[in-house]
Amino acid sequence: MSCRTAAPQNFFTQDGTKTSVLRLFRNRFLTGLCIALSLLTLVPLFSIIMLVVKNGFPLVSVALFTQLPPPPGLEEGGFANAIVGTFIMVGIAIVLAVPLGILGAIYINEYAPTSRLSAAVRFVAKLLTGIPSIICGVFAFAAVVMTMGCFSAFAGGVALSILILPTILLTAEQALMGVPYAYREASFGLGATPFQTIFRIVLPDALPAIMTGVMLSVARAAGETAPVLFTALFSANWIQSLTEPTASLSVLIYNFAALPFDYHVKMAWSASLVLVALVTLTNILAQIFFAPKHR
């Protein structure tokens, strides 16, 4: 007579692998809830896009991109000067902020990550990210406009550069921190100097993440109204010099949306659509050209 002992029920037995109905239901319910909440976060974005396209697309034409804004009461013209002014001021902001932000990130992450100066730079950068944009406009007004004695595209670019500098610096630092330290050790082991290691090994690997931060900053700068309103003001004419008032899409939207003329309100919607399209296209191109390369 043989005596057999029943195997204990554990995870590796057939009975142990059975999942209770309650646990299965709970898992599926929470999974569905997470998916539903994720889709819910897209509702505001798509609502804004649909509203802008619905109200702005009917007025889109070639004249909108080639002509100047019309006087109040006339139903013709476009906002070509505002598009040019936006590109110029955002370009000035990029030229001023990107080199300073990336070089600052290199210093606080590669050369002196634990120094008091680096800690102070990080603290100030994080503090500036929470300052309202109008404060940057007021500062640029006092520092640039009052000094030059006029509103100008250059002053607008300075205001926008102050606004985007902290974002570029902090995202560039995070991008540099994401590069494995083994890359640096291998470079040093081959006899490379710190300068060669940073600019030939670390920066190329961190470039996609850095460009993501730059594009986010560009998107914010292109849509800001208060800093530009305090520094570049507005103009209904083509820009002739960087030292004169300049039109921008954000200020045009702000001005035209409050006018009691239907055509100007429609132009404000069309300018909003163009601004969204430009920012989206810029981000897409940046993702294509600066995507991580598989090695």
Protein backbone atom coordinates (compact mmCIF):
# COMPACT_ATOMS: atom_id res chain seq x y z
CA MET A 1 0.00 0.00 0.00
CA SER A 2 1.59 3.21 -1.17
CA CYS A 3 1.03 6.43 0.60
CA ARG A 4 0.97 9.61 -1.53
CA THR A 5 1.27 13.05 -0.04
CA ALA A 6 -0.69 15.83 -1.77
CA ALA A 7 1.48 18.61 -3.13
CA PRO A 8 0.98 21.94 -1.38
CA GLN A 9 -0.87 24.58 -3.32
CA ASN A 10 1.54 27.32 -4.23
CA PHE A 11 2.31 29.60 -7.14
CA PHE A 12 3.89 26.81 -9.21
CA THR A 13 1.01 24.32 -9.00
CA GLN A 14 -2.00 24.33 -11.27
CA ASP A 15 -4.33 25.36 -8.45
CA GLY A 16 -1.95 28.09 -7.35
CA THR A 17 -1.97 29.76 -10.75
CA LYS A 18 -5.71 30.30 -10.77
CA THR A 19 -6.72 33.93 -10.45
CA SER A 20 -9.77 34.82 -8.45
CA VAL A 21 -12.65 36.49 -10.21
CA LEU A 22 -12.47 39.46 -7.86
CA ARG A 23 -8.78 40.10 -8.57
CA LEU A 24 -9.36 39.74 -12.31
CA PHE A 25 -12.26 42.19 -12.22
CA ARG A 26 -10.26 44.65 -10.12
CA ASN A 27 -7.31 44.47 -12.50
CA ARG A 28 -9.45 45.06 -15.59
CA PHE A 29 -11.40 47.84 -13.90
CA LEU A 30 -8.28 49.75 -12.86
CA THR A 31 -6.69 49.22 -16.29
CA GLY A 32 -9.79 50.59 -18.00
CA LEU A 33 -9.90 53.50 -15.55
CA CYS A 34 -6.28 54.43 -16.33
CA ILE A 35 -6.97 54.31 -20.07
CA ALA A 36 -10.11 56.43 -19.68
CA LEU A 37 -8.31 59.05 -17.60
CA SER A 38 -5.45 59.13 -20.11
CA LEU A 39 -7.90 59.79 -22.93
CA LEU A 40 -9.63 62.41 -20.78
CA THR A 41 -6.42 64.44 -20.62
CA LEU A 42 -6.53 64.75 -24.42
CA VAL A 43 -10.01 66.30 -24.42
CA PRO A 44 -8.87 69.89 -23.65
CA LEU A 45 -6.12 69.71 -26.27
CA PHE A 46 -8.35 68.44 -29.07
CA SER A 47 -11.13 70.84 -28.02
CA ILE A 48 -8.79 73.81 -28.41
CA ILE A 49 -7.48 72.54 -31.76
CA MET A 50 -10.99 71.93 -33.12
CA LEU A 51 -12.17 75.37 -31.97
CA VAL A 52 -9.17 77.13 -33.51
CA VAL A 53 -9.47 75.23 -36.80
CA LYS A 54 -13.24 75.79 -37.01
CA ASN A 55 -13.00 79.55 -36.50
CA GLY A 56 -9.64 80.26 -38.12
CA PHE A 57 -9.46 78.09 -41.21
CA PRO A 58 -12.24 79.78 -43.27
CA LEU A 59 -10.19 82.99 -43.53
CA VAL A 60 -6.90 81.32 -44.47
CA SER A 61 -5.68 82.53 -47.88
CA VAL A 62 -2.54 83.68 -49.65
CA ALA A 63 -3.33 87.31 -48.81
CA LEU A 64 -3.25 86.46 -45.13
CA PHE A 65 0.46 85.60 -45.41
CA THR A 66 1.51 88.35 -47.80
CA GLN A 67 -0.36 91.53 -46.82
CA LEU A 68 -0.38 93.95 -43.90
CA PRO A 69 -3.15 94.23 -41.29
CA PRO A 70 -6.14 96.28 -42.48
CA PRO A 71 -7.36 99.46 -40.79
CA PRO A 72 -10.45 99.08 -38.58
CA GLY A 73 -13.58 98.58 -40.64
CA LEU A 74 -11.95 97.19 -43.79
CA GLU A 75 -12.23 93.53 -44.73
CA GLU A 76 -8.98 92.78 -46.50
CA GLY A 77 -5.31 92.29 -45.73
CA GLY A 78 -3.37 89.85 -43.60
CA PHE A 79 -0.73 89.62 -40.88
CA ALA A 80 2.48 88.87 -42.76
CA ASN A 81 4.39 91.46 -40.73
CA ALA A 82 3.31 89.77 -37.50
CA ILE A 83 4.65 86.42 -38.71
CA VAL A 84 7.97 88.00 -39.65
CA GLY A 85 8.15 89.87 -36.33
CA THR A 86 7.44 86.69 -34.37
CA PHE A 87 10.23 84.83 -36.16
CA ILE A 88 12.67 87.69 -35.60
CA MET A 89 11.98 88.07 -31.87
CA VAL A 90 11.97 84.34 -31.20
CA GLY A 91 15.21 84.09 -33.21
CA ILE A 92 16.82 86.80 -31.08
CA ALA A 93 15.68 84.99 -27.94
CA ILE A 94 17.18 81.71 -29.18
CA VAL A 95 20.50 83.35 -30.07
CA LEU A 96 20.74 84.91 -26.61
CA ALA A 97 19.34 82.12 -24.43
CA VAL A 98 20.41 78.82 -26.02
CA PRO A 99 24.22 79.26 -25.83
CA LEU A 100 24.03 80.70 -22.32
CA GLY A 101 21.65 77.99 -21.11
CA ILE A 102 23.61 75.08 -22.57
CA LEU A 103 27.01 76.40 -21.43
CA GLY A 104 25.59 77.04 -17.97
CA ALA A 105 24.24 73.50 -17.85
CA ILE A 106 27.64 72.14 -18.89
CA TYR A 107 29.35 74.03 -16.08
CA ILE A 108 26.96 73.04 -13.28
CA ASN A 109 26.82 69.39 -14.40
CA GLU A 110 30.30 68.63 -15.73
CA TYR A 111 32.77 70.99 -14.05
CA ALA A 112 31.35 71.90 -10.64
CA PRO A 113 28.21 69.85 -9.91
CA THR A 114 28.52 70.18 -6.12
CA SER A 115 29.81 73.75 -5.79
CA ARG A 116 27.88 76.53 -4.10
CA LEU A 117 27.74 78.48 -7.35
CA SER A 118 26.11 75.55 -9.14
CA ALA A 119 23.57 75.16 -6.35
CA ALA A 120 22.78 78.86 -6.54
CA VAL A 121 22.36 78.70 -10.33
CA ARG A 122 19.96 75.77 -10.04
CA PHE A 123 17.95 77.53 -7.34
CA VAL A 124 17.67 80.76 -9.32
CA ALA A 125 16.74 78.90 -12.52
CA LYS A 126 13.98 76.98 -10.75
CA LEU A 127 12.79 80.21 -9.17
CA LEU A 128 12.65 81.99 -12.54
CA THR A 129 10.51 79.25 -14.07
CA GLY A 130 7.71 80.20 -11.70
CA ILE A 131 7.90 83.97 -12.21
CA PRO A 132 5.00 85.40 -14.29
CA SER A 133 5.96 86.37 -17.81
CA ILE A 134 4.80 89.94 -17.29
CA ILE A 135 7.63 90.40 -14.76
CA CYS A 136 10.14 89.55 -17.47
CA GLY A 137 8.44 92.11 -19.70
CA VAL A 138 8.60 94.81 -17.04
CA PHE A 139 12.28 94.06 -16.39
CA ALA A 140 13.13 94.20 -20.11
CA PHE A 141 11.15 97.42 -20.39
CA ALA A 142 13.18 99.02 -17.61
CA ALA A 143 16.53 97.59 -18.71
CA VAL A 144 16.28 97.81 -22.51
CA VAL A 145 13.39 100.02 -23.61
CA MET A 146 14.17 102.80 -21.15
CA THR A 147 17.88 102.61 -22.03
CA MET A 148 17.33 102.65 -25.79
CA GLY A 149 14.48 105.13 -25.56
CA CYS A 150 12.16 103.16 -27.85
CA PHE A 151 10.17 99.97 -28.19
CA SER A 152 11.93 97.51 -30.44
CA ALA A 153 12.17 93.95 -31.71
CA PHE A 154 15.49 93.62 -29.91
CA ALA A 155 13.87 94.47 -26.58
CA GLY A 156 11.17 91.89 -27.28
CA GLY A 157 13.82 89.27 -28.01
CA VAL A 158 15.63 90.10 -24.76
CA ALA A 159 12.41 89.72 -22.78
CA LEU A 160 11.68 86.35 -24.37
CA SER A 161 15.26 85.18 -23.80
CA ILE A 162 14.94 85.89 -20.08
CA LEU A 163 11.71 83.91 -20.10
CA ILE A 164 13.08 80.79 -21.78
CA LEU A 165 16.61 80.75 -20.33
CA PRO A 166 15.73 78.83 -17.11
CA THR A 167 13.84 76.13 -19.04
CA ILE A 168 16.73 75.61 -21.45
CA LEU A 169 19.29 75.47 -18.64
CA LEU A 170 17.35 72.97 -16.52
CA THR A 171 16.40 70.68 -19.41
CA ALA A 172 19.97 70.75 -20.74
CA GLU A 173 21.27 69.78 -17.30
CA GLN A 174 18.84 66.85 -17.13
CA ALA A 175 19.90 65.80 -20.62
CA LEU A 176 23.57 65.82 -19.63
CA MET A 177 22.79 63.86 -16.49
CA GLY A 178 21.11 61.23 -18.67
CA VAL A 179 24.36 60.42 -20.49
CA PRO A 180 25.95 57.33 -18.86
CA TYR A 181 29.07 58.15 -16.90
CA ALA A 182 30.75 55.16 -18.53
CA TYR A 183 30.99 57.20 -21.74
CA ARG A 184 33.06 59.80 -19.92
CA GLU A 185 35.28 57.17 -18.29
CA ALA A 186 35.92 55.49 -21.64
CA SER A 187 36.81 58.84 -23.21
CA PHE A 188 39.17 59.72 -20.38
CA GLY A 189 40.71 56.26 -20.64
CA LEU A 190 41.56 56.93 -24.29
CA GLY A 191 43.36 60.12 -23.32
CA ALA A 192 40.71 62.69 -24.21
CA THR A 193 40.58 65.97 -22.33
CA PRO A 194 37.46 67.08 -20.46
CA PHE A 195 36.72 69.58 -23.24
CA GLN A 196 36.96 66.88 -25.92
CA THR A 197 34.87 64.49 -23.85
CA ILE A 198 32.09 67.01 -23.33
CA PHE A 199 31.86 68.35 -26.87
CA ARG A 200 32.53 65.12 -28.78
CA ILE A 201 30.94 62.47 -26.55
CA VAL A 202 28.53 63.93 -24.00
CA LEU A 203 26.87 66.74 -25.97
CA PRO A 204 26.10 64.69 -29.12
CA ASP A 205 24.46 62.01 -26.98
CA ALA A 206 22.43 64.57 -25.02
CA LEU A 207 21.49 66.66 -28.08
CA PRO A 208 18.01 65.13 -28.69
CA ALA A 209 16.89 65.82 -25.12
CA ILE A 210 18.42 69.31 -25.20
CA MET A 211 16.59 70.14 -28.43
CA THR A 212 13.33 68.97 -26.89
CA GLY A 213 13.79 71.55 -24.15
CA VAL A 214 14.72 74.21 -26.70
CA MET A 215 11.59 73.49 -28.75
CA LEU A 216 9.39 73.68 -25.67
CA SER A 217 10.96 77.04 -24.90
CA VAL A 218 10.41 78.25 -28.46
CA ALA A 219 6.76 77.24 -28.28
CA ARG A 220 6.33 79.21 -25.07
CA ALA A 221 8.18 82.25 -26.41
CA ALA A 222 6.13 82.36 -29.62
CA GLY A 223 2.87 82.45 -27.69
CA GLU A 224 3.76 84.98 -25.00
CA THR A 225 1.94 88.31 -25.12
CA ALA A 226 2.82 90.31 -21.99
CA PRO A 227 6.63 90.49 -22.45
CA VAL A 228 6.28 91.49 -26.11
CA LEU A 229 3.55 94.02 -25.36
CA PHE A 230 5.84 95.78 -22.87
CA THR A 231 8.89 95.77 -25.11
CA ALA A 232 8.08 95.53 -28.83
CA LEU A 233 4.57 97.02 -28.68
CA PHE A 234 2.93 96.59 -32.10
CA SER A 235 3.16 97.95 -35.63
CA ALA A 236 0.94 97.77 -38.69
CA ASN A 237 3.94 98.15 -41.01
CA TRP A 238 6.79 95.95 -42.14
CA ILE A 239 9.76 95.82 -39.84
CA GLN A 240 12.65 97.92 -41.12
CA SER A 241 15.00 97.78 -38.15
CA LEU A 242 15.51 95.87 -34.92
CA THR A 243 15.23 99.18 -33.05
CA GLU A 244 11.61 99.97 -33.92
CA PRO A 245 8.21 98.68 -32.73
CA THR A 246 7.41 95.31 -34.26
CA ALA A 247 4.25 93.29 -34.78
CA SER A 248 3.89 89.75 -33.44
CA LEU A 249 1.20 87.10 -33.72
CA SER A 250 0.47 86.97 -30.00
CA VAL A 251 -0.05 90.74 -29.68
CA LEU A 252 -2.09 90.79 -32.91
CA ILE A 253 -4.39 88.14 -31.44
CA TYR A 254 -4.68 90.15 -28.23
CA ASN A 255 -5.48 93.39 -30.07
CA PHE A 256 -7.80 92.09 -32.78
CA ALA A 257 -9.83 89.78 -30.53
CA ALA A 258 -11.09 92.81 -28.57
CA LEU A 259 -12.11 94.88 -31.61
CA PRO A 260 -15.82 95.24 -32.50
CA PHE A 261 -15.19 94.25 -36.14
CA ASP A 262 -16.04 90.73 -37.29
CA TYR A 263 -13.23 90.57 -39.85
CA HIS A 264 -10.58 91.48 -37.28
CA VAL A 265 -11.95 88.91 -34.84
CA LYS A 266 -11.77 86.28 -37.60
CA MET A 267 -8.18 87.39 -38.28
CA ALA A 268 -7.40 86.80 -34.61
CA TRP A 269 -8.70 83.23 -34.93
CA SER A 270 -6.68 82.70 -38.11
CA ALA A 271 -3.54 84.06 -36.41
CA SER A 272 -4.15 81.61 -33.55
CA LEU A 273 -4.36 78.76 -36.06
CA VAL A 274 -1.15 79.87 -37.77
CA LEU A 275 0.65 80.16 -34.42
CA VAL A 276 -0.43 76.66 -33.37
CA ALA A 277 0.58 75.28 -36.77
CA LEU A 278 4.02 76.93 -36.63
CA VAL A 279 4.73 75.63 -33.14
CA THR A 280 3.54 72.12 -34.06
CA LEU A 281 5.59 72.07 -37.27
CA THR A 282 8.70 73.26 -35.43
CA ASN A 283 8.37 70.50 -32.84
CA ILE A 284 7.81 67.84 -35.51
CA LEU A 285 10.86 68.93 -37.50
CA ALA A 286 12.97 68.99 -34.33
CA GLN A 287 11.89 65.44 -33.48
CA ILE A 288 12.78 64.29 -37.00
CA PHE A 289 16.18 65.94 -37.31
CA PHE A 290 17.34 65.49 -33.71
CA ALA A 291 15.91 62.06 -32.97
CA PRO A 292 18.28 59.72 -31.08
CA LYS A 293 20.54 57.79 -33.43
CA HIS A 294 20.70 54.04 -32.89
CA ARG A 295 24.25 52.86 -32.50
